[in-house]
Amino acid sequence: GGGGGGGSITTAPCCQLTLPDGRVMSRKDMFLEAARIDPSCGSAFRHLALLLARQELRQSQTKVLPPPREVLVLHDGRALTRVQLAVEAVRLEPRMSRGLVCLAV
């Protein structure tokens, strides 16, 4: 095994997890961290795009006006929309069909 300490991951309200090192992260935080650690991780960008798609869908169901395009700011300062995140996922992993599916949503 790795790192000792026997720490466990515990769940917190609102879909957040407490990691063994004490950090509390949401799913979005974890995908952003994965993209920071490995900027070539296409699946991190794909999952971020899917999270934004779900958020935009929820907003569109509760409002009469179309939702504004949500933007995520990455660790490198880029502000990307759902479509831009999906394009980045396809650019990084062009053979991964799920990235293309994400673009079609």
N, C-alpha and C. Protein backbone atom coordinates (compact mmCIF):
# COMPACT_ATOMS: atom_id res chain seq x y z
N GLY A 1 0.70 -1.19 0.00
CA GLY A 1 0.00 0.00 0.00
C GLY A 1 0.75 1.28 0.00
N GLY A 2 0.15 2.32 -0.05
CA GLY A 2 0.80 3.61 -0.15
C GLY A 2 0.73 4.36 1.11
N GLY A 3 1.01 5.45 1.19
CA GLY A 3 1.16 6.50 2.12
C GLY A 3 0.81 6.34 3.57
N GLY A 4 0.53 5.27 4.16
CA GLY A 4 0.35 5.16 5.61
C GLY A 4 -0.78 6.01 6.13
N GLY A 5 -0.99 5.95 7.39
CA GLY A 5 -2.00 6.78 8.02
C GLY A 5 -3.38 6.18 8.00
N GLY A 6 -3.67 5.31 7.05
CA GLY A 6 -4.96 4.67 6.99
C GLY A 6 -6.13 5.63 6.87
N GLY A 7 -5.90 6.84 6.32
CA GLY A 7 -6.97 7.81 6.18
C GLY A 7 -8.07 7.28 5.29
N SER A 8 -9.27 7.76 5.52
CA SER A 8 -10.39 7.34 4.69
C SER A 8 -11.03 8.56 4.07
N ILE A 9 -11.82 8.30 3.08
CA ILE A 9 -12.56 9.36 2.41
C ILE A 9 -13.96 9.34 2.98
N THR A 10 -14.43 10.48 3.47
CA THR A 10 -15.77 10.55 4.03
C THR A 10 -16.61 11.52 3.22
N THR A 11 -17.90 11.25 3.19
CA THR A 11 -18.79 12.14 2.44
C THR A 11 -19.29 13.26 3.34
N ALA A 12 -19.51 14.40 2.73
CA ALA A 12 -20.04 15.58 3.42
C ALA A 12 -21.30 16.01 2.68
N PRO A 13 -22.07 16.92 3.23
CA PRO A 13 -23.28 17.38 2.53
C PRO A 13 -22.94 17.96 1.16
N CYS A 14 -23.93 17.97 0.29
CA CYS A 14 -23.83 18.59 -1.04
C CYS A 14 -22.79 17.91 -1.92
N CYS A 15 -22.69 16.61 -1.86
CA CYS A 15 -21.82 15.86 -2.75
C CYS A 15 -20.36 16.26 -2.62
N GLN A 16 -19.90 16.52 -1.42
CA GLN A 16 -18.50 16.83 -1.18
C GLN A 16 -17.86 15.67 -0.44
N LEU A 17 -16.57 15.49 -0.68
CA LEU A 17 -15.82 14.43 -0.01
C LEU A 17 -14.70 15.05 0.80
N THR A 18 -14.42 14.46 1.95
CA THR A 18 -13.26 14.85 2.73
C THR A 18 -12.17 13.83 2.43
N LEU A 19 -11.09 14.29 1.86
CA LEU A 19 -9.98 13.41 1.48
C LEU A 19 -9.11 13.12 2.69
N PRO A 20 -8.29 12.08 2.61
CA PRO A 20 -7.43 11.73 3.75
C PRO A 20 -6.53 12.86 4.23
N ASP A 21 -6.16 13.78 3.32
CA ASP A 21 -5.31 14.90 3.72
C ASP A 21 -6.10 16.06 4.34
N GLY A 22 -7.42 15.88 4.50
CA GLY A 22 -8.25 16.90 5.14
C GLY A 22 -8.96 17.84 4.18
N ARG A 23 -8.58 17.84 2.91
CA ARG A 23 -9.25 18.72 1.94
C ARG A 23 -10.68 18.25 1.72
N VAL A 24 -11.59 19.20 1.62
CA VAL A 24 -12.98 18.92 1.29
C VAL A 24 -13.19 19.40 -0.13
N MET A 25 -13.61 18.47 -1.00
CA MET A 25 -13.73 18.80 -2.42
C MET A 25 -15.05 18.30 -2.98
N SER A 26 -15.61 19.11 -3.87
CA SER A 26 -16.78 18.68 -4.64
C SER A 26 -16.29 17.90 -5.86
N ARG A 27 -17.22 17.31 -6.58
CA ARG A 27 -16.83 16.61 -7.82
C ARG A 27 -16.13 17.59 -8.77
N LYS A 28 -16.71 18.79 -8.90
CA LYS A 28 -16.10 19.79 -9.77
C LYS A 28 -14.68 20.10 -9.32
N ASP A 29 -14.48 20.28 -8.01
CA ASP A 29 -13.14 20.56 -7.49
C ASP A 29 -12.17 19.45 -7.84
N MET A 30 -12.63 18.20 -7.73
CA MET A 30 -11.75 17.06 -8.02
C MET A 30 -11.36 17.02 -9.49
N PHE A 31 -12.32 17.28 -10.39
CA PHE A 31 -11.99 17.30 -11.82
C PHE A 31 -11.07 18.47 -12.15
N LEU A 32 -11.30 19.63 -11.53
CA LEU A 32 -10.39 20.77 -11.74
C LEU A 32 -8.98 20.43 -11.25
N GLU A 33 -8.89 19.77 -10.11
CA GLU A 33 -7.59 19.38 -9.57
C GLU A 33 -6.92 18.36 -10.48
N ALA A 34 -7.70 17.42 -11.02
CA ALA A 34 -7.14 16.42 -11.95
C ALA A 34 -6.58 17.12 -13.19
N ALA A 35 -7.29 18.12 -13.70
CA ALA A 35 -6.82 18.87 -14.87
C ALA A 35 -5.57 19.69 -14.53
N ARG A 36 -5.48 20.17 -13.29
CA ARG A 36 -4.28 20.93 -12.88
C ARG A 36 -3.09 19.99 -12.79
N ILE A 37 -3.28 18.83 -12.17
CA ILE A 37 -2.19 17.87 -11.99
C ILE A 37 -1.73 17.31 -13.33
N ASP A 38 -2.70 16.99 -14.20
CA ASP A 38 -2.38 16.42 -15.51
C ASP A 38 -3.18 17.14 -16.58
N PRO A 39 -2.62 18.23 -17.14
CA PRO A 39 -3.35 19.01 -18.15
C PRO A 39 -3.68 18.24 -19.42
N SER A 40 -3.13 17.02 -19.57
CA SER A 40 -3.44 16.21 -20.75
C SER A 40 -4.55 15.20 -20.46
N CYS A 41 -5.18 15.29 -19.31
CA CYS A 41 -6.23 14.35 -18.90
C CYS A 41 -7.56 14.77 -19.54
N GLY A 42 -7.83 14.22 -20.71
CA GLY A 42 -9.05 14.58 -21.43
C GLY A 42 -10.32 14.26 -20.66
N SER A 43 -10.31 13.18 -19.89
CA SER A 43 -11.54 12.82 -19.18
C SER A 43 -11.89 13.84 -18.10
N ALA A 44 -10.91 14.52 -17.52
CA ALA A 44 -11.21 15.57 -16.54
C ALA A 44 -11.99 16.70 -17.22
N PHE A 45 -11.55 17.09 -18.41
CA PHE A 45 -12.24 18.15 -19.15
C PHE A 45 -13.63 17.69 -19.58
N ARG A 46 -13.74 16.43 -19.99
CA ARG A 46 -15.03 15.88 -20.40
C ARG A 46 -16.02 15.90 -19.24
N HIS A 47 -15.57 15.46 -18.07
CA HIS A 47 -16.45 15.44 -16.90
C HIS A 47 -16.83 16.86 -16.46
N LEU A 48 -15.92 17.80 -16.57
CA LEU A 48 -16.26 19.19 -16.25
C LEU A 48 -17.34 19.70 -17.21
N ALA A 49 -17.21 19.36 -18.50
CA ALA A 49 -18.22 19.76 -19.48
C ALA A 49 -19.57 19.14 -19.14
N LEU A 50 -19.57 17.88 -18.74
CA LEU A 50 -20.82 17.22 -18.37
C LEU A 50 -21.45 17.84 -17.13
N LEU A 51 -20.62 18.20 -16.15
CA LEU A 51 -21.15 18.88 -14.96
C LEU A 51 -21.81 20.20 -15.32
N LEU A 52 -21.17 20.96 -16.22
CA LEU A 52 -21.77 22.23 -16.65
C LEU A 52 -23.05 21.99 -17.43
N ALA A 53 -23.08 20.94 -18.25
CA ALA A 53 -24.29 20.62 -19.02
C ALA A 53 -25.45 20.33 -18.08
N ARG A 54 -25.19 19.54 -17.04
CA ARG A 54 -26.24 19.23 -16.06
C ARG A 54 -26.71 20.50 -15.35
N GLN A 55 -25.77 21.36 -14.99
CA GLN A 55 -26.11 22.61 -14.31
C GLN A 55 -26.95 23.50 -15.21
N GLU A 56 -26.56 23.61 -16.49
CA GLU A 56 -27.32 24.43 -17.43
C GLU A 56 -28.73 23.86 -17.64
N LEU A 57 -28.84 22.53 -17.67
CA LEU A 57 -30.14 21.90 -17.84
C LEU A 57 -31.04 22.20 -16.64
N ARG A 58 -30.51 22.06 -15.44
CA ARG A 58 -31.29 22.37 -14.24
C ARG A 58 -31.76 23.82 -14.25
N GLN A 59 -30.87 24.72 -14.64
CA GLN A 59 -31.24 26.14 -14.67
C GLN A 59 -32.30 26.41 -15.72
N SER A 60 -32.21 25.75 -16.86
CA SER A 60 -33.18 25.99 -17.92
C SER A 60 -34.56 25.45 -17.54
N GLN A 61 -34.60 24.46 -16.67
CA GLN A 61 -35.89 23.89 -16.25
C GLN A 61 -36.57 24.75 -15.20
N THR A 62 -35.84 25.63 -14.55
CA THR A 62 -36.43 26.44 -13.49
C THR A 62 -36.66 27.89 -13.90
N LYS A 63 -36.25 28.27 -15.10
CA LYS A 63 -36.38 29.66 -15.53
C LYS A 63 -37.02 29.72 -16.91
N VAL A 64 -37.67 30.83 -17.19
CA VAL A 64 -38.27 31.04 -18.50
C VAL A 64 -37.21 31.43 -19.51
N LEU A 65 -36.27 32.27 -19.11
CA LEU A 65 -35.21 32.73 -20.01
C LEU A 65 -34.15 31.64 -20.15
N PRO A 66 -33.46 31.62 -21.30
CA PRO A 66 -32.38 30.65 -21.44
C PRO A 66 -31.28 30.94 -20.42
N PRO A 67 -30.64 29.89 -19.91
CA PRO A 67 -29.60 30.11 -18.90
C PRO A 67 -28.38 30.78 -19.51
N PRO A 68 -27.67 31.56 -18.72
CA PRO A 68 -26.41 32.11 -19.24
C PRO A 68 -25.41 30.98 -19.42
N ARG A 69 -24.48 31.16 -20.31
CA ARG A 69 -23.45 30.15 -20.50
C ARG A 69 -22.52 30.17 -19.30
N GLU A 70 -22.52 29.07 -18.58
CA GLU A 70 -21.64 28.96 -17.41
C GLU A 70 -20.20 28.84 -17.89
N VAL A 71 -19.29 29.37 -17.10
CA VAL A 71 -17.87 29.35 -17.42
C VAL A 71 -17.11 28.84 -16.21
N LEU A 72 -16.16 27.97 -16.44
CA LEU A 72 -15.26 27.51 -15.39
C LEU A 72 -13.89 28.12 -15.62
N VAL A 73 -13.28 28.61 -14.56
CA VAL A 73 -11.93 29.15 -14.65
C VAL A 73 -10.97 28.06 -14.19
N LEU A 74 -10.06 27.70 -15.07
CA LEU A 74 -9.07 26.67 -14.78
C LEU A 74 -7.88 27.25 -14.03
N HIS A 75 -7.06 26.38 -13.50
CA HIS A 75 -5.88 26.81 -12.72
C HIS A 75 -4.95 27.70 -13.53
N ASP A 76 -4.94 27.53 -14.86
CA ASP A 76 -4.05 28.32 -15.71
C ASP A 76 -4.67 29.65 -16.13
N GLY A 77 -5.88 29.93 -15.61
CA GLY A 77 -6.52 31.21 -15.90
C GLY A 77 -7.51 31.19 -17.05
N ARG A 78 -7.54 30.10 -17.82
CA ARG A 78 -8.49 30.03 -18.93
C ARG A 78 -9.90 29.90 -18.39
N ALA A 79 -10.82 30.65 -18.98
CA ALA A 79 -12.24 30.56 -18.64
C ALA A 79 -12.93 29.86 -19.80
N LEU A 80 -13.44 28.64 -19.55
CA LEU A 80 -14.00 27.83 -20.62
C LEU A 80 -15.47 27.52 -20.38
N THR A 81 -16.25 27.56 -21.46
CA THR A 81 -17.65 27.15 -21.41
C THR A 81 -17.72 25.63 -21.52
N ARG A 82 -18.93 25.11 -21.40
CA ARG A 82 -19.15 23.67 -21.54
C ARG A 82 -18.63 23.16 -22.89
N VAL A 83 -18.95 23.87 -23.96
CA VAL A 83 -18.52 23.44 -25.29
C VAL A 83 -17.00 23.51 -25.42
N GLN A 84 -16.39 24.56 -24.90
CA GLN A 84 -14.93 24.67 -24.96
C GLN A 84 -14.25 23.57 -24.16
N LEU A 85 -14.83 23.19 -23.02
CA LEU A 85 -14.27 22.08 -22.23
C LEU A 85 -14.37 20.77 -23.02
N ALA A 86 -15.50 20.55 -23.67
CA ALA A 86 -15.67 19.33 -24.47
C ALA A 86 -14.71 19.31 -25.65
N VAL A 87 -14.51 20.46 -26.29
CA VAL A 87 -13.54 20.54 -27.40
C VAL A 87 -12.14 20.21 -26.90
N GLU A 88 -11.79 20.72 -25.73
CA GLU A 88 -10.48 20.43 -25.14
C GLU A 88 -10.34 18.93 -24.86
N ALA A 89 -11.40 18.30 -24.37
CA ALA A 89 -11.37 16.86 -24.12
C ALA A 89 -11.12 16.09 -25.41
N VAL A 90 -11.79 16.47 -26.48
CA VAL A 90 -11.61 15.80 -27.77
C VAL A 90 -10.22 16.07 -28.31
N ARG A 91 -9.72 17.28 -28.14
CA ARG A 91 -8.36 17.60 -28.61
C ARG A 91 -7.33 16.73 -27.90
N LEU A 92 -7.52 16.54 -26.60
CA LEU A 92 -6.55 15.77 -25.82
C LEU A 92 -6.67 14.27 -26.05
N GLU A 93 -7.88 13.79 -26.27
CA GLU A 93 -8.12 12.36 -26.47
C GLU A 93 -9.04 12.16 -27.66
N PRO A 94 -8.51 12.39 -28.89
CA PRO A 94 -9.37 12.37 -30.08
C PRO A 94 -10.03 11.02 -30.36
N ARG A 95 -9.48 9.95 -29.85
CA ARG A 95 -10.07 8.63 -30.10
C ARG A 95 -11.13 8.26 -29.07
N MET A 96 -11.35 9.10 -28.08
CA MET A 96 -12.33 8.80 -27.05
C MET A 96 -13.69 9.31 -27.51
N SER A 97 -14.56 8.40 -27.87
CA SER A 97 -15.87 8.78 -28.41
C SER A 97 -16.73 9.53 -27.41
N ARG A 98 -16.51 9.31 -26.11
CA ARG A 98 -17.33 9.99 -25.11
C ARG A 98 -17.13 11.50 -25.14
N GLY A 99 -15.95 11.95 -25.55
CA GLY A 99 -15.74 13.39 -25.71
C GLY A 99 -16.61 13.97 -26.80
N LEU A 100 -16.76 13.22 -27.89
CA LEU A 100 -17.63 13.66 -28.97
C LEU A 100 -19.09 13.67 -28.53
N VAL A 101 -19.47 12.66 -27.76
CA VAL A 101 -20.83 12.61 -27.25
C VAL A 101 -21.10 13.83 -26.38
N CYS A 102 -20.13 14.19 -25.57
CA CYS A 102 -20.27 15.35 -24.70
C CYS A 102 -20.47 16.62 -25.52
N LEU A 103 -19.81 16.72 -26.65
CA LEU A 103 -19.98 17.88 -27.51
C LEU A 103 -21.39 17.95 -28.08
N ALA A 104 -21.96 16.79 -28.32
CA ALA A 104 -23.29 16.74 -28.94
C ALA A 104 -24.42 17.09 -27.98
N VAL A 105 -24.13 17.09 -26.67
CA VAL A 105 -25.18 17.35 -25.67
C VAL A 105 -25.59 18.80 -25.72
